[in-house]
Amino acid sequence: MTPKEKAEDLVDKQRTILDPLDMGDYTHLAKQCALICVEEIMNSTGGFLWDIEVKYWQQVKQEIEKL
């Protein structure tokens, strides 16, 4: 999955959670939740990510911010 596809996937998953709450425009909240997920992934490995993995997740984060 490309970083852009992963970003869209994560935000869409957050939207499915927020949508039933009928909160109106929940895109911003979905993006914030997705960014938290990415940060948790990057921090939960105890610093044992390969450089390519770090770069991938940083790109995913950037793509989320663009959405």
C-alpha atoms as a PDB file:
ATOM      1  CA  MET A   1       0.000   0.000   0.000  1.00  0.00           C
ATOM      2  CA  THR A   2       1.407   3.407  -0.885  1.00  0.00           C
ATOM      3  CA  PRO A   3       1.663   6.040   1.848  1.00  0.00           C
ATOM      4  CA  LYS A   4      -1.229   7.936   0.234  1.00  0.00           C
ATOM      5  CA  GLU A   5      -3.414   4.815   0.113  1.00  0.00           C
ATOM      6  CA  LYS A   6      -2.571   4.009   3.742  1.00  0.00           C
ATOM      7  CA  ALA A   7      -3.387   7.582   4.784  1.00  0.00           C
ATOM      8  CA  GLU A   8      -6.771   7.434   3.042  1.00  0.00           C
ATOM      9  CA  ASP A   9      -7.443   4.010   4.560  1.00  0.00           C
ATOM     10  CA  LEU A  10      -6.685   5.179   8.102  1.00  0.00           C
ATOM     11  CA  VAL A  11      -8.802   8.325   7.774  1.00  0.00           C
ATOM     12  CA  ASP A  12     -11.683   6.347   6.240  1.00  0.00           C
ATOM     13  CA  LYS A  13     -11.579   3.872   9.131  1.00  0.00           C
ATOM     14  CA  GLN A  14     -11.817   6.743  11.605  1.00  0.00           C
ATOM     15  CA  ARG A  15     -14.744   8.222   9.652  1.00  0.00           C
ATOM     16  CA  THR A  16     -16.682   4.958   9.957  1.00  0.00           C
ATOM     17  CA  ILE A  17     -16.375   5.240  13.720  1.00  0.00           C
ATOM     18  CA  LEU A  18     -17.334   8.915  13.853  1.00  0.00           C
ATOM     19  CA  ASP A  19     -20.103   8.816  11.220  1.00  0.00           C
ATOM     20  CA  PRO A  20     -22.735   7.128  13.431  1.00  0.00           C
ATOM     21  CA  LEU A  21     -22.248   9.896  15.980  1.00  0.00           C
ATOM     22  CA  ASP A  22     -23.778  12.298  13.438  1.00  0.00           C
ATOM     23  CA  MET A  23     -21.227  14.950  14.266  1.00  0.00           C
ATOM     24  CA  GLY A  24     -21.547  16.798  10.982  1.00  0.00           C
ATOM     25  CA  ASP A  25     -18.124  17.566   9.515  1.00  0.00           C
ATOM     26  CA  TYR A  26     -15.969  14.945  11.173  1.00  0.00           C
ATOM     27  CA  THR A  27     -13.147  14.917   8.597  1.00  0.00           C
ATOM     28  CA  HIS A  28     -10.869  16.973  10.828  1.00  0.00           C
ATOM     29  CA  LEU A  29     -11.484  14.630  13.762  1.00  0.00           C
ATOM     30  CA  ALA A  30     -10.913  11.571  11.576  1.00  0.00           C
ATOM     31  CA  LYS A  31      -7.582  13.006  10.425  1.00  0.00           C
ATOM     32  CA  GLN A  32      -6.536  13.748  14.001  1.00  0.00           C
ATOM     33  CA  CYS A  33      -7.392  10.196  15.060  1.00  0.00           C
ATOM     34  CA  ALA A  34      -5.459   8.763  12.114  1.00  0.00           C
ATOM     35  CA  LEU A  35      -2.437  10.908  13.003  1.00  0.00           C
ATOM     36  CA  ILE A  36      -2.581   9.593  16.550  1.00  0.00           C
ATOM     37  CA  CYS A  37      -2.600   6.047  15.166  1.00  0.00           C
ATOM     38  CA  VAL A  38       0.496   6.731  13.083  1.00  0.00           C
ATOM     39  CA  GLU A  39       2.293   8.271  16.055  1.00  0.00           C
ATOM     40  CA  GLU A  40       1.404   5.250  18.190  1.00  0.00           C
ATOM     41  CA  ILE A  41       2.737   2.882  15.529  1.00  0.00           C
ATOM     42  CA  MET A  42       5.991   4.813  15.305  1.00  0.00           C
ATOM     43  CA  ASN A  43       6.403   5.055  19.087  1.00  0.00           C
ATOM     44  CA  SER A  44       5.286   1.556  20.055  1.00  0.00           C
ATOM     45  CA  THR A  45       8.168  -0.245  18.412  1.00  0.00           C
ATOM     46  CA  GLY A  46      10.647   0.881  21.027  1.00  0.00           C
ATOM     47  CA  GLY A  47      12.767   2.541  18.348  1.00  0.00           C
ATOM     48  CA  PHE A  48      13.226  -0.662  16.385  1.00  0.00           C
ATOM     49  CA  LEU A  49      11.972   0.497  13.010  1.00  0.00           C
ATOM     50  CA  TRP A  50      14.054   0.186   9.882  1.00  0.00           C
ATOM     51  CA  ASP A  51      14.824   3.495   8.195  1.00  0.00           C
ATOM     52  CA  ILE A  52      12.514   2.556   5.321  1.00  0.00           C
ATOM     53  CA  GLU A  53       9.672   1.940   7.792  1.00  0.00           C
ATOM     54  CA  VAL A  54      10.239   5.287   9.495  1.00  0.00           C
ATOM     55  CA  LYS A  55      10.221   7.004   6.111  1.00  0.00           C
ATOM     56  CA  TYR A  56       7.009   5.183   5.128  1.00  0.00           C
ATOM     57  CA  TRP A  57       5.140   6.220   8.279  1.00  0.00           C
ATOM     58  CA  GLN A  58       6.408   9.784   7.978  1.00  0.00           C
ATOM     59  CA  GLN A  59       5.058   9.846   4.420  1.00  0.00           C
ATOM     60  CA  VAL A  60       1.732   8.434   5.629  1.00  0.00           C
ATOM     61  CA  LYS A  61       1.577  11.219   8.213  1.00  0.00           C
ATOM     62  CA  GLN A  62       2.254  13.846   5.531  1.00  0.00           C
ATOM     63  CA  GLU A  63      -0.457  12.366   3.292  1.00  0.00           C
ATOM     64  CA  ILE A  64      -2.980  12.443   6.145  1.00  0.00           C
ATOM     65  CA  GLU A  65      -2.206  16.105   6.708  1.00  0.00           C
ATOM     66  CA  LYS A  66      -2.837  16.809   2.998  1.00  0.00           C
ATOM     67  CA  LEU A  67      -6.293  15.224   3.010  1.00  0.00           C
END
